[in-house]
Amino acid sequence: MSVNVAIAGATGAVGQEFLNVLAERNFPIRNLRLLASAKSAGKTMKFKGQDYTVEELTNDSFKDVQIAFFSAGGSISKQFAPAAVAAKAVVVDNTSAFRMKDGIPLVVPEVNPEQIHRHNGLIANPNCSTIIMNVPVWPLHQANRIKRIIVSTYQAVSGAGAWGLYELDAQLKAYAAGQPIVKEKFPHQIANNLFSHNTTIAENGYNEEEKKW
């Protein structure tokens, strides 16, 4: 049975990966709607050899959509996911917007796939590091209960989206050429550097990324 699918944030790094995975798995798509900011509207993207025109993401973008994948940032999900749910779409959200909300299942398919069926229109997934960790930890936990895990994560700039990759690429080229390194999006130099996650640090000393599930 084929379904109508929308991708919010289709032009970003994760949105493009959504398309790759859907193609690899031959997901049964009847109609595909690619959604992004007004700046990206009108661009053309390919999916399985066919051209699709990117549309501006609005509250009216989800008519007849059955599954909507969101990965355009938490603020965008908070703004537009309710409209998708109101249009009877099931939202699979890839941001932190709904991870800690009561009544919204937090799902890692390899761990708790049964939770998918308990949604009220929204399905969240954990932080990327948490997903990767839980896949091998879950069978260990089933065999011998785990009480506590201490984790250190070193994350790639791709977590910030495609623009993070562009800035890293530009800085590496400048470094190789002996030219000044320009900081645009991040507050610190990315190339050959390591710094605390680019989020607000709370009174307890943890930044927002460290408090995510």
N, C-alpha and C. Protein backbone atom coordinates (compact mmCIF):
# COMPACT_ATOMS: atom_id res chain seq x y z
N MET A 1 0.85 -1.19 0.00
CA MET A 1 0.00 0.00 0.00
C MET A 1 0.88 1.24 0.00
N SER A 2 0.75 2.08 -0.99
CA SER A 2 1.56 3.29 -1.08
C SER A 2 0.92 4.43 -0.31
N VAL A 3 1.75 5.38 0.12
CA VAL A 3 1.27 6.49 0.94
C VAL A 3 1.82 7.80 0.40
N ASN A 4 1.17 8.90 0.79
CA ASN A 4 1.64 10.23 0.44
C ASN A 4 2.60 10.71 1.53
N VAL A 5 3.78 11.15 1.11
CA VAL A 5 4.85 11.50 2.04
C VAL A 5 5.28 12.94 1.84
N ALA A 6 5.55 13.63 2.95
CA ALA A 6 6.14 14.97 2.89
C ALA A 6 7.41 14.98 3.72
N ILE A 7 8.39 15.75 3.28
CA ILE A 7 9.63 15.92 4.03
C ILE A 7 9.83 17.40 4.29
N ALA A 8 9.77 17.79 5.55
CA ALA A 8 9.99 19.18 5.95
C ALA A 8 11.48 19.35 6.25
N GLY A 9 12.12 20.22 5.51
CA GLY A 9 13.57 20.36 5.60
C GLY A 9 14.27 19.52 4.55
N ALA A 10 13.63 19.38 3.41
CA ALA A 10 14.12 18.46 2.37
C ALA A 10 15.47 18.85 1.80
N THR A 11 15.80 20.15 1.80
CA THR A 11 17.05 20.59 1.18
C THR A 11 18.24 20.51 2.12
N GLY A 12 17.99 20.21 3.40
CA GLY A 12 19.08 20.10 4.37
C GLY A 12 19.79 18.76 4.28
N ALA A 13 20.87 18.62 5.05
CA ALA A 13 21.66 17.40 5.01
C ALA A 13 20.85 16.18 5.43
N VAL A 14 20.04 16.32 6.49
CA VAL A 14 19.24 15.20 6.96
C VAL A 14 18.07 14.94 6.02
N GLY A 15 17.48 15.99 5.49
CA GLY A 15 16.40 15.82 4.53
C GLY A 15 16.84 15.04 3.31
N GLN A 16 18.02 15.31 2.83
CA GLN A 16 18.55 14.58 1.69
C GLN A 16 18.84 13.13 2.05
N GLU A 17 19.25 12.91 3.30
CA GLU A 17 19.48 11.53 3.74
C GLU A 17 18.16 10.78 3.87
N PHE A 18 17.10 11.48 4.29
CA PHE A 18 15.76 10.87 4.28
C PHE A 18 15.46 10.31 2.89
N LEU A 19 15.70 11.13 1.88
CA LEU A 19 15.41 10.71 0.51
C LEU A 19 16.26 9.50 0.12
N ASN A 20 17.52 9.51 0.51
CA ASN A 20 18.39 8.37 0.18
C ASN A 20 17.87 7.08 0.80
N VAL A 21 17.48 7.15 2.07
CA VAL A 21 17.00 5.95 2.77
C VAL A 21 15.67 5.47 2.18
N LEU A 22 14.77 6.40 1.88
CA LEU A 22 13.48 6.03 1.28
C LEU A 22 13.70 5.33 -0.07
N ALA A 23 14.68 5.83 -0.82
CA ALA A 23 14.97 5.22 -2.12
C ALA A 23 15.61 3.84 -1.94
N GLU A 24 16.57 3.74 -1.03
CA GLU A 24 17.27 2.47 -0.80
C GLU A 24 16.30 1.37 -0.37
N ARG A 25 15.33 1.75 0.43
CA ARG A 25 14.40 0.76 0.97
C ARG A 25 13.14 0.61 0.10
N ASN A 26 13.15 1.34 -1.01
CA ASN A 26 12.01 1.27 -1.93
C ASN A 26 10.69 1.50 -1.20
N PHE A 27 10.68 2.53 -0.36
CA PHE A 27 9.49 2.84 0.43
C PHE A 27 8.32 3.13 -0.51
N PRO A 28 7.15 2.59 -0.21
CA PRO A 28 6.01 2.71 -1.14
C PRO A 28 5.38 4.11 -1.11
N ILE A 29 5.90 5.00 -1.92
CA ILE A 29 5.43 6.39 -1.97
C ILE A 29 4.51 6.59 -3.18
N ARG A 30 3.33 7.12 -2.91
CA ARG A 30 2.41 7.46 -4.00
C ARG A 30 2.72 8.86 -4.51
N ASN A 31 2.73 9.82 -3.59
CA ASN A 31 3.07 11.21 -3.91
C ASN A 31 4.09 11.71 -2.90
N LEU A 32 5.08 12.46 -3.39
CA LEU A 32 6.14 12.99 -2.53
C LEU A 32 6.12 14.51 -2.59
N ARG A 33 6.13 15.12 -1.41
CA ARG A 33 6.13 16.58 -1.32
C ARG A 33 7.38 17.02 -0.57
N LEU A 34 8.22 17.81 -1.22
CA LEU A 34 9.46 18.30 -0.61
C LEU A 34 9.24 19.73 -0.13
N LEU A 35 9.45 19.95 1.16
CA LEU A 35 9.14 21.23 1.78
C LEU A 35 10.39 21.84 2.40
N ALA A 36 10.52 23.16 2.27
CA ALA A 36 11.67 23.87 2.84
C ALA A 36 11.29 25.33 3.02
N SER A 37 12.27 26.16 3.32
CA SER A 37 12.01 27.58 3.53
C SER A 37 11.65 28.26 2.21
N ALA A 38 11.13 29.48 2.34
CA ALA A 38 10.78 30.25 1.14
C ALA A 38 11.99 30.47 0.25
N LYS A 39 13.17 30.56 0.87
CA LYS A 39 14.41 30.77 0.12
C LYS A 39 14.71 29.59 -0.80
N SER A 40 14.33 28.40 -0.37
CA SER A 40 14.62 27.20 -1.17
C SER A 40 13.49 26.81 -2.11
N ALA A 41 12.33 27.41 -1.92
CA ALA A 41 11.18 27.07 -2.76
C ALA A 41 11.50 27.32 -4.23
N GLY A 42 11.11 26.38 -5.07
CA GLY A 42 11.36 26.49 -6.50
C GLY A 42 12.56 25.70 -6.97
N LYS A 43 13.42 25.31 -6.04
CA LYS A 43 14.56 24.48 -6.41
C LYS A 43 14.08 23.10 -6.86
N THR A 44 14.89 22.42 -7.60
CA THR A 44 14.55 21.08 -8.09
C THR A 44 15.46 20.05 -7.44
N MET A 45 14.87 18.96 -6.97
CA MET A 45 15.63 17.86 -6.39
C MET A 45 15.20 16.56 -7.05
N LYS A 46 16.14 15.63 -7.13
CA LYS A 46 15.84 14.34 -7.75
C LYS A 46 15.55 13.28 -6.68
N PHE A 47 14.60 12.42 -7.01
CA PHE A 47 14.30 11.26 -6.17
C PHE A 47 13.95 10.10 -7.09
N LYS A 48 14.79 9.07 -7.06
CA LYS A 48 14.61 7.89 -7.89
C LYS A 48 14.47 8.25 -9.37
N GLY A 49 15.32 9.17 -9.80
CA GLY A 49 15.37 9.56 -11.19
C GLY A 49 14.33 10.57 -11.64
N GLN A 50 13.48 11.00 -10.72
CA GLN A 50 12.42 11.94 -11.08
C GLN A 50 12.69 13.29 -10.42
N ASP A 51 12.39 14.37 -11.12
CA ASP A 51 12.57 15.72 -10.59
C ASP A 51 11.35 16.14 -9.77
N TYR A 52 11.64 16.75 -8.61
CA TYR A 52 10.58 17.29 -7.75
C TYR A 52 10.91 18.74 -7.43
N THR A 53 9.90 19.59 -7.46
CA THR A 53 10.08 20.99 -7.14
C THR A 53 9.84 21.21 -5.65
N VAL A 54 10.79 21.87 -5.00
CA VAL A 54 10.67 22.15 -3.57
C VAL A 54 9.60 23.23 -3.36
N GLU A 55 8.73 22.99 -2.39
CA GLU A 55 7.66 23.92 -2.05
C GLU A 55 7.96 24.60 -0.71
N GLU A 56 7.42 25.79 -0.54
CA GLU A 56 7.59 26.49 0.74
C GLU A 56 6.77 25.79 1.83
N LEU A 57 7.38 25.57 2.97
CA LEU A 57 6.70 24.95 4.10
C LEU A 57 5.75 25.95 4.75
N THR A 58 4.47 25.59 4.76
CA THR A 58 3.44 26.42 5.40
C THR A 58 2.50 25.50 6.18
N ASN A 59 1.58 26.10 6.89
CA ASN A 59 0.59 25.31 7.62
C ASN A 59 -0.36 24.57 6.68
N ASP A 60 -0.39 24.96 5.42
CA ASP A 60 -1.29 24.34 4.45
C ASP A 60 -0.58 23.30 3.58
N SER A 61 0.61 22.89 3.98
CA SER A 61 1.42 22.00 3.13
C SER A 61 1.06 20.53 3.25
N PHE A 62 0.15 20.17 4.15
CA PHE A 62 0.00 18.76 4.49
C PHE A 62 -1.34 18.14 4.11
N LYS A 63 -2.05 18.79 3.21
CA LYS A 63 -3.31 18.21 2.75
C LYS A 63 -3.04 16.88 2.05
N ASP A 64 -3.74 15.84 2.47
CA ASP A 64 -3.65 14.49 1.91
C ASP A 64 -2.32 13.79 2.20
N VAL A 65 -1.46 14.40 3.02
CA VAL A 65 -0.20 13.75 3.41
C VAL A 65 -0.48 12.77 4.54
N GLN A 66 0.07 11.58 4.43
CA GLN A 66 -0.14 10.56 5.45
C GLN A 66 1.04 10.41 6.40
N ILE A 67 2.26 10.62 5.89
CA ILE A 67 3.45 10.57 6.73
C ILE A 67 4.29 11.81 6.43
N ALA A 68 4.66 12.54 7.48
CA ALA A 68 5.50 13.73 7.32
C ALA A 68 6.77 13.57 8.15
N PHE A 69 7.90 13.60 7.48
CA PHE A 69 9.19 13.54 8.17
C PHE A 69 9.69 14.97 8.39
N PHE A 70 10.03 15.30 9.62
CA PHE A 70 10.49 16.64 9.96
C PHE A 70 11.95 16.63 10.38
N SER A 71 12.75 17.47 9.76
CA SER A 71 14.13 17.67 10.20
C SER A 71 14.61 19.03 9.73
N ALA A 72 13.90 20.05 10.17
CA ALA A 72 14.26 21.42 9.78
C ALA A 72 14.59 22.27 11.00
N GLY A 73 14.82 21.62 12.14
CA GLY A 73 15.10 22.35 13.38
C GLY A 73 13.92 22.33 14.32
N GLY A 74 14.22 22.36 15.62
CA GLY A 74 13.17 22.25 16.63
C GLY A 74 12.11 23.33 16.54
N SER A 75 12.51 24.56 16.28
CA SER A 75 11.54 25.65 16.22
C SER A 75 10.58 25.47 15.05
N ILE A 76 11.07 24.95 13.94
CA ILE A 76 10.22 24.70 12.77
C ILE A 76 9.24 23.58 13.07
N SER A 77 9.72 22.53 13.74
CA SER A 77 8.82 21.43 14.10
C SER A 77 7.72 21.91 15.02
N LYS A 78 8.07 22.72 16.01
CA LYS A 78 7.05 23.24 16.94
C LYS A 78 6.02 24.09 16.22
N GLN A 79 6.48 24.81 15.19
CA GLN A 79 5.57 25.70 14.46
C GLN A 79 4.64 24.96 13.51
N PHE A 80 5.18 23.95 12.79
CA PHE A 80 4.41 23.36 11.70
C PHE A 80 3.93 21.94 11.94
N ALA A 81 4.54 21.20 12.84
CA ALA A 81 4.09 19.83 13.08
C ALA A 81 2.64 19.76 13.54
N PRO A 82 2.17 20.66 14.41
CA PRO A 82 0.75 20.61 14.78
C PRO A 82 -0.18 20.74 13.58
N ALA A 83 0.20 21.52 12.59
CA ALA A 83 -0.62 21.67 11.39
C ALA A 83 -0.66 20.37 10.61
N ALA A 84 0.47 19.66 10.58
CA ALA A 84 0.51 18.37 9.89
C ALA A 84 -0.36 17.35 10.60
N VAL A 85 -0.30 17.34 11.92
CA VAL A 85 -1.15 16.42 12.70
C VAL A 85 -2.62 16.76 12.51
N ALA A 86 -2.93 18.05 12.48
CA ALA A 86 -4.32 18.47 12.27
C ALA A 86 -4.83 18.03 10.90
N ALA A 87 -3.92 17.90 9.93
CA ALA A 87 -4.29 17.46 8.59
C ALA A 87 -4.32 15.93 8.47
N LYS A 88 -4.19 15.26 9.63
CA LYS A 88 -4.27 13.78 9.71
C LYS A 88 -3.00 13.08 9.25
N ALA A 89 -1.89 13.79 9.19
CA ALA A 89 -0.61 13.15 8.88
C ALA A 89 0.01 12.62 10.17
N VAL A 90 0.78 11.56 10.06
CA VAL A 90 1.60 11.08 11.17
C VAL A 90 2.97 11.72 11.02
N VAL A 91 3.38 12.48 12.02
CA VAL A 91 4.65 13.19 11.97
C VAL A 91 5.73 12.36 12.65
N VAL A 92 6.82 12.12 11.93
CA VAL A 92 8.02 11.52 12.51
C VAL A 92 9.04 12.64 12.62
N ASP A 93 9.28 13.08 13.85
CA ASP A 93 10.10 14.27 14.06
C ASP A 93 11.51 13.91 14.47
N ASN A 94 12.47 14.50 13.77
CA ASN A 94 13.88 14.18 13.99
C ASN A 94 14.59 15.24 14.82
N THR A 95 13.84 16.13 15.46
CA THR A 95 14.44 17.19 16.27
C THR A 95 14.18 16.93 17.75
N SER A 96 14.62 17.85 18.58
CA SER A 96 14.43 17.72 20.03
C SER A 96 13.09 18.30 20.49
N ALA A 97 12.27 18.77 19.57
CA ALA A 97 11.07 19.53 19.92
C ALA A 97 10.09 18.78 20.81
N PHE A 98 9.93 17.47 20.58
CA PHE A 98 8.88 16.72 21.27
C PHE A 98 9.41 15.53 22.08
N ARG A 99 10.73 15.45 22.26
CA ARG A 99 11.32 14.27 22.89
C ARG A 99 10.89 14.05 24.33
N MET A 100 10.63 15.12 25.05
CA MET A 100 10.32 14.99 26.47
C MET A 100 8.85 15.26 26.76
N LYS A 101 8.01 15.23 25.74
CA LYS A 101 6.59 15.52 25.91
C LYS A 101 5.81 14.26 26.28
N ASP A 102 4.98 14.37 27.31
CA ASP A 102 4.13 13.25 27.70
C ASP A 102 3.17 12.88 26.57
N GLY A 103 2.98 11.59 26.36
CA GLY A 103 2.04 11.13 25.35
C GLY A 103 2.62 11.01 23.96
N ILE A 104 3.88 11.43 23.79
CA ILE A 104 4.54 11.32 22.48
C ILE A 104 5.62 10.24 22.58
N PRO A 105 5.47 9.13 21.87
CA PRO A 105 6.45 8.04 21.98
C PRO A 105 7.82 8.46 21.49
N LEU A 106 8.84 8.06 22.25
CA LEU A 106 10.23 8.31 21.90
C LEU A 106 10.79 6.97 21.43
N VAL A 107 11.06 6.86 20.14
CA VAL A 107 11.25 5.54 19.53
C VAL A 107 12.64 5.36 18.92
N VAL A 108 13.25 4.24 19.26
CA VAL A 108 14.39 3.69 18.53
C VAL A 108 13.91 2.36 17.98
N PRO A 109 13.72 2.22 16.68
CA PRO A 109 13.06 1.02 16.13
C PRO A 109 13.68 -0.30 16.57
N GLU A 110 15.01 -0.32 16.75
CA GLU A 110 15.66 -1.56 17.16
C GLU A 110 15.43 -1.89 18.63
N VAL A 111 14.87 -0.94 19.39
CA VAL A 111 14.68 -1.12 20.83
C VAL A 111 13.21 -1.23 21.21
N ASN A 112 12.41 -0.26 20.80
CA ASN A 112 11.00 -0.24 21.22
C ASN A 112 10.05 0.07 20.07
N PRO A 113 10.08 -0.71 19.00
CA PRO A 113 9.23 -0.41 17.83
C PRO A 113 7.74 -0.44 18.14
N GLU A 114 7.34 -1.19 19.16
CA GLU A 114 5.92 -1.28 19.50
C GLU A 114 5.34 0.08 19.91
N GLN A 115 6.19 1.00 20.36
CA GLN A 115 5.73 2.32 20.79
C GLN A 115 5.20 3.16 19.63
N ILE A 116 5.62 2.80 18.41
CA ILE A 116 5.19 3.56 17.24
C ILE A 116 3.67 3.61 17.15
N HIS A 117 3.01 2.53 17.53
CA HIS A 117 1.56 2.43 17.39
C HIS A 117 0.80 3.18 18.48
N ARG A 118 1.52 3.77 19.43
CA ARG A 118 0.87 4.47 20.53
C ARG A 118 0.90 5.99 20.34
N HIS A 119 1.11 6.41 19.12
CA HIS A 119 1.20 7.85 18.85
C HIS A 119 -0.17 8.49 18.78
N ASN A 120 -0.18 9.80 18.96
CA ASN A 120 -1.37 10.62 18.72
C ASN A 120 -1.09 11.60 17.60
N GLY A 121 -0.40 11.10 16.57
CA GLY A 121 -0.06 11.94 15.43
C GLY A 121 1.41 12.33 15.39
N LEU A 122 2.12 12.14 16.52
CA LEU A 122 3.52 12.52 16.60
C LEU A 122 4.37 11.38 17.12
N ILE A 123 5.51 11.14 16.46
CA ILE A 123 6.50 10.18 16.91
C ILE A 123 7.84 10.91 16.95
N ALA A 124 8.51 10.84 18.09
CA ALA A 124 9.82 11.48 18.24
C ALA A 124 10.92 10.44 18.23
N ASN A 125 12.14 10.89 17.93
CA ASN A 125 13.28 10.00 18.13
C ASN A 125 14.31 10.70 19.00
N PRO A 126 15.16 9.94 19.70
CA PRO A 126 16.13 10.56 20.61
C PRO A 126 17.25 11.28 19.88
N ASN A 127 18.10 11.91 20.66
CA ASN A 127 19.32 12.50 20.16
C ASN A 127 20.13 11.45 19.40
N CYS A 128 20.85 11.87 18.36
CA CYS A 128 21.57 10.93 17.51
C CYS A 128 22.53 10.05 18.30
N SER A 129 23.22 10.63 19.26
CA SER A 129 24.16 9.84 20.06
C SER A 129 23.43 8.80 20.89
N THR A 130 22.26 9.15 21.39
CA THR A 130 21.47 8.23 22.20
C THR A 130 21.00 7.04 21.36
N ILE A 131 20.57 7.31 20.14
CA ILE A 131 20.12 6.23 19.25
C ILE A 131 21.26 5.24 19.02
N ILE A 132 22.41 5.75 18.62
CA ILE A 132 23.54 4.89 18.30
C ILE A 132 23.95 4.06 19.51
N MET A 133 23.94 4.69 20.69
CA MET A 133 24.34 3.99 21.91
C MET A 133 23.34 2.90 22.29
N ASN A 134 22.06 3.20 22.16
CA ASN A 134 21.05 2.28 22.66
C ASN A 134 20.92 1.00 21.83
N VAL A 135 21.29 1.04 20.58
CA VAL A 135 21.17 -0.16 19.75
C VAL A 135 22.02 -1.31 20.31
N PRO A 136 23.31 -1.10 20.62
CA PRO A 136 24.06 -2.21 21.22
C PRO A 136 23.80 -2.39 22.71
N VAL A 137 23.44 -1.30 23.40
CA VAL A 137 23.24 -1.39 24.86
C VAL A 137 21.97 -2.16 25.20
N TRP A 138 20.94 -2.07 24.36
CA TRP A 138 19.65 -2.69 24.68
C TRP A 138 19.76 -4.20 24.91
N PRO A 139 20.39 -4.99 24.05
CA PRO A 139 20.50 -6.42 24.34
C PRO A 139 21.34 -6.70 25.58
N LEU A 140 22.33 -5.86 25.86
CA LEU A 140 23.11 -6.02 27.09
C LEU A 140 22.23 -5.77 28.31
N HIS A 141 21.38 -4.75 28.21
CA HIS A 141 20.47 -4.42 29.31
C HIS A 141 19.46 -5.54 29.55
N GLN A 142 19.02 -6.18 28.49
CA GLN A 142 18.09 -7.30 28.65
C GLN A 142 18.75 -8.48 29.35
N ALA A 143 20.04 -8.68 29.09
CA ALA A 143 20.75 -9.79 29.71
C ALA A 143 21.18 -9.48 31.14
N ASN A 144 21.55 -8.23 31.39
CA ASN A 144 22.04 -7.84 32.71
C ASN A 144 21.74 -6.36 32.90
N ARG A 145 20.79 -6.04 33.74
CA ARG A 145 20.27 -4.69 33.86
C ARG A 145 21.37 -3.64 34.07
N ILE A 146 21.34 -2.60 33.24
CA ILE A 146 22.30 -1.50 33.33
C ILE A 146 21.66 -0.37 34.13
N LYS A 147 22.35 0.10 35.16
CA LYS A 147 21.81 1.13 36.04
C LYS A 147 22.26 2.53 35.67
N ARG A 148 23.45 2.64 35.11
CA ARG A 148 23.97 3.98 34.83
C ARG A 148 24.97 3.92 33.68
N ILE A 149 24.94 4.93 32.84
CA ILE A 149 25.90 5.04 31.75
C ILE A 149 26.48 6.45 31.74
N ILE A 150 27.79 6.56 31.69
CA ILE A 150 28.45 7.86 31.57
C ILE A 150 28.96 7.97 30.13
N VAL A 151 28.56 9.03 29.45
CA VAL A 151 28.81 9.14 28.02
C VAL A 151 29.54 10.45 27.69
N SER A 152 30.52 10.37 26.83
CA SER A 152 31.14 11.55 26.22
C SER A 152 30.92 11.45 24.72
N THR A 153 30.44 12.51 24.11
CA THR A 153 30.20 12.48 22.67
C THR A 153 31.04 13.57 21.98
N TYR A 154 31.53 13.23 20.81
CA TYR A 154 32.28 14.16 19.99
C TYR A 154 31.57 14.19 18.65
N GLN A 155 30.85 15.27 18.41
CA GLN A 155 29.90 15.28 17.30
C GLN A 155 30.43 16.08 16.11
N ALA A 156 30.01 15.65 14.95
CA ALA A 156 30.42 16.30 13.72
C ALA A 156 29.61 17.56 13.47
N VAL A 157 30.17 18.49 12.70
CA VAL A 157 29.46 19.72 12.38
C VAL A 157 28.24 19.46 11.50
N SER A 158 28.17 18.27 10.89
CA SER A 158 27.01 17.95 10.07
C SER A 158 25.73 17.94 10.89
N GLY A 159 25.86 17.80 12.23
CA GLY A 159 24.68 17.87 13.09
C GLY A 159 23.99 19.22 13.03
N ALA A 160 24.72 20.24 12.61
CA ALA A 160 24.14 21.58 12.48
C ALA A 160 23.44 21.76 11.13
N GLY A 161 23.55 20.76 10.26
CA GLY A 161 22.94 20.86 8.94
C GLY A 161 23.99 21.07 7.86
N ALA A 162 23.51 21.23 6.65
CA ALA A 162 24.42 21.35 5.51
C ALA A 162 25.35 22.55 5.64
N TRP A 163 24.86 23.66 6.23
CA TRP A 163 25.70 24.85 6.31
C TRP A 163 26.92 24.62 7.21
N GLY A 164 26.80 23.70 8.18
CA GLY A 164 27.95 23.36 9.00
C GLY A 164 29.06 22.72 8.18
N LEU A 165 28.66 21.85 7.27
CA LEU A 165 29.63 21.22 6.38
C LEU A 165 30.28 22.24 5.44
N TYR A 166 29.47 23.18 4.95
CA TYR A 166 30.00 24.19 4.03
C TYR A 166 31.05 25.05 4.75
N GLU A 167 30.76 25.42 6.00
CA GLU A 167 31.71 26.27 6.72
C GLU A 167 33.00 25.51 7.02
N LEU A 168 32.88 24.24 7.40
CA LEU A 168 34.08 23.43 7.64
C LEU A 168 34.91 23.30 6.37
N ASP A 169 34.26 23.05 5.26
CA ASP A 169 34.96 22.90 3.98
C ASP A 169 35.70 24.20 3.63
N ALA A 170 35.04 25.34 3.81
CA ALA A 170 35.65 26.63 3.49
C ALA A 170 36.86 26.90 4.39
N GLN A 171 36.73 26.55 5.67
CA GLN A 171 37.83 26.81 6.59
C GLN A 171 39.02 25.89 6.32
N LEU A 172 38.76 24.64 5.97
CA LEU A 172 39.85 23.72 5.64
C LEU A 172 40.61 24.17 4.39
N LYS A 173 39.87 24.67 3.41
CA LYS A 173 40.52 25.17 2.19
C LYS A 173 41.36 26.41 2.49
N ALA A 174 40.83 27.30 3.35
CA ALA A 174 41.59 28.50 3.72
C ALA A 174 42.84 28.12 4.51
N TYR A 175 42.71 27.14 5.40
CA TYR A 175 43.85 26.68 6.20
C TYR A 175 44.94 26.10 5.31
N ALA A 176 44.55 25.28 4.34
CA ALA A 176 45.50 24.65 3.43
C ALA A 176 46.22 25.69 2.56
N ALA A 177 45.51 26.77 2.26
CA ALA A 177 46.09 27.81 1.39
C ALA A 177 46.83 28.88 2.18
N GLY A 178 46.85 28.75 3.52
CA GLY A 178 47.51 29.75 4.35
C GLY A 178 46.76 31.06 4.44
N GLN A 179 45.47 31.02 4.20
CA GLN A 179 44.65 32.23 4.23
C GLN A 179 43.94 32.35 5.57
N PRO A 180 43.46 33.56 5.92
CA PRO A 180 42.74 33.74 7.19
C PRO A 180 41.47 32.88 7.21
N ILE A 181 41.18 32.30 8.36
CA ILE A 181 39.99 31.48 8.52
C ILE A 181 38.84 32.34 9.00
N VAL A 182 37.73 32.30 8.26
CA VAL A 182 36.58 33.14 8.54
C VAL A 182 35.52 32.35 9.30
N LYS A 183 35.02 32.91 10.41
CA LYS A 183 33.93 32.30 11.17
C LYS A 183 32.64 33.01 10.78
N GLU A 184 31.65 32.25 10.35
CA GLU A 184 30.39 32.85 9.94
C GLU A 184 29.23 32.37 10.81
N LYS A 185 28.97 31.07 10.83
CA LYS A 185 27.83 30.52 11.56
C LYS A 185 28.19 30.16 13.01
N PHE A 186 29.33 29.53 13.18
CA PHE A 186 29.76 29.10 14.51
C PHE A 186 30.57 30.19 15.20
N PRO A 187 30.53 30.25 16.54
CA PRO A 187 31.32 31.27 17.25
C PRO A 187 32.80 30.95 17.33
N HIS A 188 33.17 29.71 16.99
CA HIS A 188 34.57 29.30 17.05
C HIS A 188 35.00 28.72 15.70
N GLN A 189 36.29 28.71 15.47
CA GLN A 189 36.83 28.03 14.30
C GLN A 189 36.51 26.54 14.38
N ILE A 190 36.04 25.97 13.26
CA ILE A 190 35.72 24.54 13.22
C ILE A 190 36.93 23.73 12.82
N ALA A 191 37.64 24.18 11.80
CA ALA A 191 38.75 23.41 11.23
C ALA A 191 39.82 23.14 12.27
N ASN A 192 40.18 21.87 12.43
CA ASN A 192 41.24 21.46 13.36
C ASN A 192 40.96 21.93 14.79
N ASN A 193 39.71 21.91 15.18
CA ASN A 193 39.35 22.44 16.50
C ASN A 193 38.28 21.58 17.16
N LEU A 194 38.15 21.75 18.46
CA LEU A 194 37.14 21.06 19.25
C LEU A 194 36.65 22.03 20.29
N PHE A 195 35.32 22.19 20.40
CA PHE A 195 34.78 23.12 21.39
C PHE A 195 33.44 22.64 21.90
N SER A 196 33.02 23.21 23.02
CA SER A 196 31.74 22.83 23.62
C SER A 196 30.61 23.08 22.63
N HIS A 197 29.60 22.24 22.68
CA HIS A 197 28.51 22.34 21.72
C HIS A 197 27.94 23.75 21.68
N ASN A 198 27.57 24.18 20.51
CA ASN A 198 27.13 25.55 20.27
C ASN A 198 25.70 25.78 20.76
N THR A 199 25.49 25.55 22.06
CA THR A 199 24.19 25.80 22.67
C THR A 199 24.39 26.47 24.03
N THR A 200 23.32 26.99 24.58
CA THR A 200 23.38 27.73 25.83
C THR A 200 23.81 26.83 26.98
N ILE A 201 24.69 27.34 27.83
CA ILE A 201 25.13 26.61 29.02
C ILE A 201 24.27 27.04 30.21
N ALA A 202 23.64 26.07 30.87
CA ALA A 202 22.74 26.35 31.98
C ALA A 202 23.53 26.56 33.28
N GLU A 203 22.80 26.89 34.36
CA GLU A 203 23.44 27.15 35.64
C GLU A 203 24.15 25.92 36.19
N ASN A 204 23.68 24.72 35.79
CA ASN A 204 24.30 23.49 36.29
C ASN A 204 25.58 23.13 35.53
N GLY A 205 25.96 23.96 34.56
CA GLY A 205 27.19 23.73 33.83
C GLY A 205 27.06 22.90 32.58
N TYR A 206 25.86 22.36 32.33
CA TYR A 206 25.63 21.55 31.15
C TYR A 206 25.05 22.41 30.03
N ASN A 207 25.45 22.13 28.79
CA ASN A 207 24.83 22.85 27.68
C ASN A 207 23.56 22.10 27.24
N GLU A 208 22.81 22.70 26.35
CA GLU A 208 21.53 22.15 25.94
C GLU A 208 21.66 20.78 25.29
N GLU A 209 22.73 20.58 24.54
CA GLU A 209 22.95 19.30 23.89
C GLU A 209 23.15 18.19 24.91
N GLU A 210 23.85 18.50 25.99
CA GLU A 210 24.11 17.50 27.02
C GLU A 210 22.85 17.09 27.79
N LYS A 211 21.86 17.98 27.77
CA LYS A 211 20.62 17.68 28.49
C LYS A 211 19.59 16.97 27.63
N LYS A 212 19.88 16.83 26.34
CA LYS A 212 18.94 16.16 25.45
C LYS A 212 18.90 14.67 25.70
N TRP A 213 17.76 14.06 25.39
CA TRP A 213 17.65 12.61 25.44
C TRP A 213 17.93 12.07 24.05
